[in-house]
Amino acid sequence: MSARKQAALARIRGKFLLSYDDCPEVRDLARRHRFQVRPVSVLYTLAAKGGPKRVRELLIANYPLARRGRG
């Protein structure tokens, strides 16, 4: 994610929650803007050649994220 996109998110007055590919650059940019960052495991099933694929993504928000799921 570009610094420009991160800056645009920082200007949002309401709450936002974004899911994005996990990589060090995205983590660093998100933390610089003091966003909440939570890694999650996601199962890609659409257009996944060779079957479903588990990947890590980041949940990025401008509000506190719960530590665990509610279910």
PDB file of N, CA and C in Angstrom:
ATOM      1  N   MET A   1       0.847  -1.169   0.000  1.00  0.00           N
ATOM      2  CA  MET A   1       0.000   0.000   0.000  1.00  0.00           C
ATOM      3  C   MET A   1       0.891   1.230   0.000  1.00  0.00           C
ATOM      4  N   SER A   2       0.537   2.165  -0.804  1.00  0.00           N
ATOM      5  CA  SER A   2       1.360   3.368  -0.940  1.00  0.00           C
ATOM      6  C   SER A   2       1.178   4.313   0.249  1.00  0.00           C
ATOM      7  N   ALA A   3       2.170   5.150   0.445  1.00  0.00           N
ATOM      8  CA  ALA A   3       2.089   6.169   1.494  1.00  0.00           C
ATOM      9  C   ALA A   3       0.923   7.114   1.216  1.00  0.00           C
ATOM     10  N   ARG A   4       0.631   7.347  -0.052  1.00  0.00           N
ATOM     11  CA  ARG A   4      -0.483   8.222  -0.428  1.00  0.00           C
ATOM     12  C   ARG A   4      -1.823   7.636   0.036  1.00  0.00           C
ATOM     13  N   LYS A   5      -2.006   6.319  -0.151  1.00  0.00           N
ATOM     14  CA  LYS A   5      -3.241   5.678   0.314  1.00  0.00           C
ATOM     15  C   LYS A   5      -3.333   5.727   1.832  1.00  0.00           C
ATOM     16  N   GLN A   6      -2.216   5.495   2.505  1.00  0.00           N
ATOM     17  CA  GLN A   6      -2.205   5.553   3.964  1.00  0.00           C
ATOM     18  C   GLN A   6      -2.574   6.953   4.449  1.00  0.00           C
ATOM     19  N   ALA A   7      -2.045   7.977   3.792  1.00  0.00           N
ATOM     20  CA  ALA A   7      -2.355   9.356   4.177  1.00  0.00           C
ATOM     21  C   ALA A   7      -3.838   9.657   3.970  1.00  0.00           C
ATOM     22  N   ALA A   8      -4.425   9.131   2.887  1.00  0.00           N
ATOM     23  CA  ALA A   8      -5.853   9.325   2.639  1.00  0.00           C
ATOM     24  C   ALA A   8      -6.675   8.670   3.750  1.00  0.00           C
ATOM     25  N   LEU A   9      -6.267   7.484   4.180  1.00  0.00           N
ATOM     26  CA  LEU A   9      -6.961   6.817   5.283  1.00  0.00           C
ATOM     27  C   LEU A   9      -6.864   7.639   6.563  1.00  0.00           C
ATOM     28  N   ALA A  10      -5.723   8.259   6.784  1.00  0.00           N
ATOM     29  CA  ALA A  10      -5.523   9.056   7.994  1.00  0.00           C
ATOM     30  C   ALA A  10      -6.468  10.259   8.045  1.00  0.00           C
ATOM     31  N   ARG A  11      -6.947  10.718   6.886  1.00  0.00           N
ATOM     32  CA  ARG A  11      -7.852  11.877   6.841  1.00  0.00           C
ATOM     33  C   ARG A  11      -9.318  11.497   7.048  1.00  0.00           C
ATOM     34  N   ILE A  12      -9.629  10.214   7.081  1.00  0.00           N
ATOM     35  CA  ILE A  12     -11.017   9.783   7.270  1.00  0.00           C
ATOM     36  C   ILE A  12     -11.482  10.185   8.663  1.00  0.00           C
ATOM     37  N   ARG A  13     -12.630  10.828   8.736  1.00  0.00           N
ATOM     38  CA  ARG A  13     -13.152  11.287  10.026  1.00  0.00           C
ATOM     39  C   ARG A  13     -13.887  10.178  10.776  1.00  0.00           C
ATOM     40  N   GLY A  14     -14.477   9.246  10.048  1.00  0.00           N
ATOM     41  CA  GLY A  14     -15.178   8.131  10.689  1.00  0.00           C
ATOM     42  C   GLY A  14     -14.249   6.942  10.861  1.00  0.00           C
ATOM     43  N   LYS A  15     -14.839   5.828  11.246  1.00  0.00           N
ATOM     44  CA  LYS A  15     -14.064   4.605  11.429  1.00  0.00           C
ATOM     45  C   LYS A  15     -13.860   3.907  10.089  1.00  0.00           C
ATOM     46  N   PHE A  16     -12.718   3.204   9.968  1.00  0.00           N
ATOM     47  CA  PHE A  16     -12.516   2.347   8.805  1.00  0.00           C
ATOM     48  C   PHE A  16     -11.847   1.055   9.237  1.00  0.00           C
ATOM     49  N   LEU A  17     -12.109  -0.003   8.463  1.00  0.00           N
ATOM     50  CA  LEU A  17     -11.451  -1.292   8.630  1.00  0.00           C
ATOM     51  C   LEU A  17     -11.053  -1.755   7.242  1.00  0.00           C
ATOM     52  N   LEU A  18      -9.774  -2.058   7.070  1.00  0.00           N
ATOM     53  CA  LEU A  18      -9.225  -2.427   5.777  1.00  0.00           C
ATOM     54  C   LEU A  18      -8.501  -3.755   5.902  1.00  0.00           C
ATOM     55  N   SER A  19      -8.687  -4.640   4.944  1.00  0.00           N
ATOM     56  CA  SER A  19      -7.930  -5.885   4.864  1.00  0.00           C
ATOM     57  C   SER A  19      -6.931  -5.730   3.727  1.00  0.00           C
ATOM     58  N   TYR A  20      -5.640  -6.040   4.012  1.00  0.00           N
ATOM     59  CA  TYR A  20      -4.596  -5.828   3.013  1.00  0.00           C
ATOM     60  C   TYR A  20      -3.545  -6.919   3.135  1.00  0.00           C
ATOM     61  N   ASP A  21      -2.847  -7.204   2.036  1.00  0.00           N
ATOM     62  CA  ASP A  21      -1.784  -8.211   2.053  1.00  0.00           C
ATOM     63  C   ASP A  21      -0.763  -7.898   3.140  1.00  0.00           C
ATOM     64  N   ASP A  22      -0.300  -8.943   3.822  1.00  0.00           N
ATOM     65  CA  ASP A  22       0.674  -8.779   4.899  1.00  0.00           C
ATOM     66  C   ASP A  22       2.079  -8.661   4.330  1.00  0.00           C
ATOM     67  N   CYS A  23       2.718  -7.543   4.586  1.00  0.00           N
ATOM     68  CA  CYS A  23       4.123  -7.366   4.226  1.00  0.00           C
ATOM     69  C   CYS A  23       4.709  -6.300   5.156  1.00  0.00           C
ATOM     70  N   PRO A  24       6.018  -6.317   5.363  1.00  0.00           N
ATOM     71  CA  PRO A  24       6.644  -5.377   6.303  1.00  0.00           C
ATOM     72  C   PRO A  24       6.383  -3.907   5.981  1.00  0.00           C
ATOM     73  N   GLU A  25       6.351  -3.552   4.702  1.00  0.00           N
ATOM     74  CA  GLU A  25       6.140  -2.154   4.321  1.00  0.00           C
ATOM     75  C   GLU A  25       4.762  -1.659   4.751  1.00  0.00           C
ATOM     76  N   VAL A  26       3.739  -2.504   4.567  1.00  0.00           N
ATOM     77  CA  VAL A  26       2.380  -2.113   4.953  1.00  0.00           C
ATOM     78  C   VAL A  26       2.285  -1.983   6.470  1.00  0.00           C
ATOM     79  N   ARG A  27       2.875  -2.928   7.192  1.00  0.00           N
ATOM     80  CA  ARG A  27       2.881  -2.852   8.660  1.00  0.00           C
ATOM     81  C   ARG A  27       3.536  -1.549   9.129  1.00  0.00           C
ATOM     82  N   ASP A  28       4.680  -1.229   8.533  1.00  0.00           N
ATOM     83  CA  ASP A  28       5.422  -0.027   8.926  1.00  0.00           C
ATOM     84  C   ASP A  28       4.614   1.243   8.666  1.00  0.00           C
ATOM     85  N   LEU A  29       4.036   1.354   7.474  1.00  0.00           N
ATOM     86  CA  LEU A  29       3.231   2.539   7.153  1.00  0.00           C
ATOM     87  C   LEU A  29       2.026   2.666   8.082  1.00  0.00           C
ATOM     88  N   ALA A  30       1.364   1.553   8.351  1.00  0.00           N
ATOM     89  CA  ALA A  30       0.182   1.589   9.222  1.00  0.00           C
ATOM     90  C   ALA A  30       0.558   2.038  10.629  1.00  0.00           C
ATOM     91  N   ARG A  31       1.659   1.539  11.131  1.00  0.00           N
ATOM     92  CA  ARG A  31       2.075   1.915  12.490  1.00  0.00           C
ATOM     93  C   ARG A  31       2.535   3.370  12.555  1.00  0.00           C
ATOM     94  N   ARG A  32       3.125   3.870  11.472  1.00  0.00           N
ATOM     95  CA  ARG A  32       3.528   5.283  11.454  1.00  0.00           C
ATOM     96  C   ARG A  32       2.330   6.207  11.607  1.00  0.00           C
ATOM     97  N   HIS A  33       1.189   5.767  11.064  1.00  0.00           N
ATOM     98  CA  HIS A  33      -0.047   6.555  11.181  1.00  0.00           C
ATOM     99  C   HIS A  33      -0.826   6.201  12.445  1.00  0.00           C
ATOM    100  N   ARG A  34      -0.245   5.342  13.275  1.00  0.00           N
ATOM    101  CA  ARG A  34      -0.855   4.907  14.536  1.00  0.00           C
ATOM    102  C   ARG A  34      -2.168   4.173  14.334  1.00  0.00           C
ATOM    103  N   PHE A  35      -2.277   3.447  13.209  1.00  0.00           N
ATOM    104  CA  PHE A  35      -3.432   2.594  12.990  1.00  0.00           C
ATOM    105  C   PHE A  35      -3.257   1.310  13.791  1.00  0.00           C
ATOM    106  N   GLN A  36      -4.365   0.674  14.113  1.00  0.00           N
ATOM    107  CA  GLN A  36      -4.339  -0.644  14.738  1.00  0.00           C
ATOM    108  C   GLN A  36      -4.060  -1.674  13.644  1.00  0.00           C
ATOM    109  N   VAL A  37      -3.201  -2.639  13.925  1.00  0.00           N
ATOM    110  CA  VAL A  37      -2.836  -3.659  12.938  1.00  0.00           C
ATOM    111  C   VAL A  37      -3.007  -5.032  13.577  1.00  0.00           C
ATOM    112  N   ARG A  38      -3.738  -5.909  12.899  1.00  0.00           N
ATOM    113  CA  ARG A  38      -3.944  -7.266  13.396  1.00  0.00           C
ATOM    114  C   ARG A  38      -3.763  -8.258  12.256  1.00  0.00           C
ATOM    115  N   PRO A  39      -2.792  -9.180  12.350  1.00  0.00           N
ATOM    116  CA  PRO A  39      -2.639 -10.202  11.316  1.00  0.00           C
ATOM    117  C   PRO A  39      -3.751 -11.245  11.435  1.00  0.00           C
ATOM    118  N   VAL A  40      -4.253 -11.702  10.292  1.00  0.00           N
ATOM    119  CA  VAL A  40      -5.286 -12.743  10.257  1.00  0.00           C
ATOM    120  C   VAL A  40      -4.954 -13.737   9.155  1.00  0.00           C
ATOM    121  N   SER A  41      -5.463 -14.939   9.305  1.00  0.00           N
ATOM    122  CA  SER A  41      -5.304 -15.977   8.293  1.00  0.00           C
ATOM    123  C   SER A  41      -6.574 -15.999   7.450  1.00  0.00           C
ATOM    124  N   VAL A  42      -6.412 -15.998   6.125  1.00  0.00           N
ATOM    125  CA  VAL A  42      -7.538 -15.945   5.199  1.00  0.00           C
ATOM    126  C   VAL A  42      -7.420 -17.103   4.220  1.00  0.00           C
ATOM    127  N   LEU A  43      -8.550 -17.713   3.875  1.00  0.00           N
ATOM    128  CA  LEU A  43      -8.562 -18.794   2.901  1.00  0.00           C
ATOM    129  C   LEU A  43      -9.058 -18.249   1.570  1.00  0.00           C
ATOM    130  N   TYR A  44      -8.172 -18.215   0.560  1.00  0.00           N
ATOM    131  CA  TYR A  44      -8.560 -17.787  -0.783  1.00  0.00           C
ATOM    132  C   TYR A  44      -9.121 -18.994  -1.517  1.00  0.00           C
ATOM    133  N   THR A  45     -10.347 -18.883  -2.006  1.00  0.00           N
ATOM    134  CA  THR A  45     -10.957 -19.991  -2.739  1.00  0.00           C
ATOM    135  C   THR A  45     -11.295 -19.624  -4.176  1.00  0.00           C
ATOM    136  N   LEU A  46     -11.623 -18.375  -4.442  1.00  0.00           N
ATOM    137  CA  LEU A  46     -11.947 -17.954  -5.802  1.00  0.00           C
ATOM    138  C   LEU A  46     -10.670 -17.768  -6.606  1.00  0.00           C
ATOM    139  N   ALA A  47     -10.654 -18.295  -7.790  1.00  0.00           N
ATOM    140  CA  ALA A  47      -9.517 -18.157  -8.711  1.00  0.00           C
ATOM    141  C   ALA A  47      -8.219 -18.701  -8.115  1.00  0.00           C
ATOM    142  N   ALA A  48      -8.330 -19.618  -7.161  1.00  0.00           N
ATOM    143  CA  ALA A  48      -7.135 -20.222  -6.565  1.00  0.00           C
ATOM    144  C   ALA A  48      -6.766 -21.457  -7.373  1.00  0.00           C
ATOM    145  N   LYS A  49      -5.721 -21.350  -8.155  1.00  0.00           N
ATOM    146  CA  LYS A  49      -5.286 -22.485  -8.967  1.00  0.00           C
ATOM    147  C   LYS A  49      -4.748 -23.577  -8.058  1.00  0.00           C
ATOM    148  N   GLY A  50      -5.200 -24.806  -8.288  1.00  0.00           N
ATOM    149  CA  GLY A  50      -4.748 -25.919  -7.468  1.00  0.00           C
ATOM    150  C   GLY A  50      -5.498 -26.049  -6.155  1.00  0.00           C
ATOM    151  N   GLY A  51      -6.611 -25.351  -6.014  1.00  0.00           N
ATOM    152  CA  GLY A  51      -7.408 -25.465  -4.801  1.00  0.00           C
ATOM    153  C   GLY A  51      -7.233 -24.284  -3.866  1.00  0.00           C
ATOM    154  N   PRO A  52      -7.953 -24.321  -2.756  1.00  0.00           N
ATOM    155  CA  PRO A  52      -7.893 -23.222  -1.787  1.00  0.00           C
ATOM    156  C   PRO A  52      -6.478 -22.986  -1.270  1.00  0.00           C
ATOM    157  N   LYS A  53      -6.197 -21.734  -0.942  1.00  0.00           N
ATOM    158  CA  LYS A  53      -4.869 -21.349  -0.473  1.00  0.00           C
ATOM    159  C   LYS A  53      -5.016 -20.464   0.765  1.00  0.00           C
ATOM    160  N   ARG A  54      -4.307 -20.808   1.839  1.00  0.00           N
ATOM    161  CA  ARG A  54      -4.342 -20.006   3.060  1.00  0.00           C
ATOM    162  C   ARG A  54      -3.222 -18.968   3.005  1.00  0.00           C
ATOM    163  N   VAL A  55      -3.573 -17.709   3.258  1.00  0.00           N
ATOM    164  CA  VAL A  55      -2.610 -16.606   3.236  1.00  0.00           C
ATOM    165  C   VAL A  55      -2.818 -15.736   4.475  1.00  0.00           C
ATOM    166  N   ARG A  56      -1.828 -14.886   4.747  1.00  0.00           N
ATOM    167  CA  ARG A  56      -1.950 -13.931   5.856  1.00  0.00           C
ATOM    168  C   ARG A  56      -2.249 -12.550   5.293  1.00  0.00           C
ATOM    169  N   GLU A  57      -3.196 -11.900   5.936  1.00  0.00           N
ATOM    170  CA  GLU A  57      -3.517 -10.520   5.609  1.00  0.00           C
ATOM    171  C   GLU A  57      -3.480  -9.717   6.901  1.00  0.00           C
ATOM    172  N   LEU A  58      -3.548  -8.419   6.746  1.00  0.00           N
ATOM    173  CA  LEU A  58      -3.581  -7.524   7.896  1.00  0.00           C
ATOM    174  C   LEU A  58      -4.928  -6.824   7.950  1.00  0.00           C
ATOM    175  N   LEU A  59      -5.516  -6.779   9.123  1.00  0.00           N
ATOM    176  CA  LEU A  59      -6.652  -5.902   9.355  1.00  0.00           C
ATOM    177  C   LEU A  59      -6.063  -4.602   9.875  1.00  0.00           C
ATOM    178  N   ILE A  60      -6.411  -3.510   9.231  1.00  0.00           N
ATOM    179  CA  ILE A  60      -5.896  -2.192   9.590  1.00  0.00           C
ATOM    180  C   ILE A  60      -7.098  -1.314   9.905  1.00  0.00           C
ATOM    181  N   ALA A  61      -7.081  -0.671  11.069  1.00  0.00           N
ATOM    182  CA  ALA A  61      -8.224   0.135  11.497  1.00  0.00           C
ATOM    183  C   ALA A  61      -7.745   1.374  12.235  1.00  0.00           C
ATOM    184  N   ASN A  62      -8.636   2.346  12.307  1.00  0.00           N
ATOM    185  CA  ASN A  62      -8.331   3.559  13.069  1.00  0.00           C
ATOM    186  C   ASN A  62      -9.074   3.563  14.406  1.00  0.00           C
ATOM    187  N   TYR A  63      -9.401   2.383  14.889  1.00  0.00           N
ATOM    188  CA  TYR A  63     -10.040   2.208  16.192  1.00  0.00           C
ATOM    189  C   TYR A  63      -9.535   0.899  16.795  1.00  0.00           C
ATOM    190  N   PRO A  64      -9.672   0.697  18.102  1.00  0.00           N
ATOM    191  CA  PRO A  64      -9.159  -0.525  18.729  1.00  0.00           C
ATOM    192  C   PRO A  64      -9.843  -1.776  18.177  1.00  0.00           C
ATOM    193  N   LEU A  65      -9.047  -2.777  17.871  1.00  0.00           N
ATOM    194  CA  LEU A  65      -9.563  -4.051  17.382  1.00  0.00           C
ATOM    195  C   LEU A  65      -9.591  -5.055  18.533  1.00  0.00           C
ATOM    196  N   ALA A  66     -10.657  -5.858  18.584  1.00  0.00           N
ATOM    197  CA  ALA A  66     -10.765  -6.888  19.622  1.00  0.00           C
ATOM    198  C   ALA A  66      -9.646  -7.909  19.451  1.00  0.00           C
ATOM    199  N   ARG A  67      -9.187  -8.468  20.538  1.00  0.00           N
ATOM    200  CA  ARG A  67      -8.104  -9.459  20.497  1.00  0.00           C
ATOM    201  C   ARG A  67      -8.558 -10.781  19.905  1.00  0.00           C
ATOM    202  N   ARG A  68      -9.776 -11.220  20.199  1.00  0.00           N
ATOM    203  CA  ARG A  68     -10.262 -12.520  19.740  1.00  0.00           C
ATOM    204  C   ARG A  68     -11.634 -12.368  19.113  1.00  0.00           C
ATOM    205  N   GLY A  69     -11.984 -13.374  18.296  1.00  0.00           N
ATOM    206  CA  GLY A  69     -13.312 -13.394  17.709  1.00  0.00           C
ATOM    207  C   GLY A  69     -14.376 -13.587  18.775  1.00  0.00           C
ATOM    208  N   ARG A  70     -15.590 -13.314  18.423  1.00  0.00           N
ATOM    209  CA  ARG A  70     -16.688 -13.420  19.390  1.00  0.00           C
ATOM    210  C   ARG A  70     -17.421 -14.746  19.287  1.00  0.00           C
ATOM    211  N   GLY A  71     -16.971 -15.647  18.423  1.00  0.00           N
ATOM    212  CA  GLY A  71     -17.721 -16.881  18.229  1.00  0.00           C
ATOM    213  C   GLY A  71     -17.089 -18.099  18.761  1.00  0.00           C
TER     214      GLY A  71
END
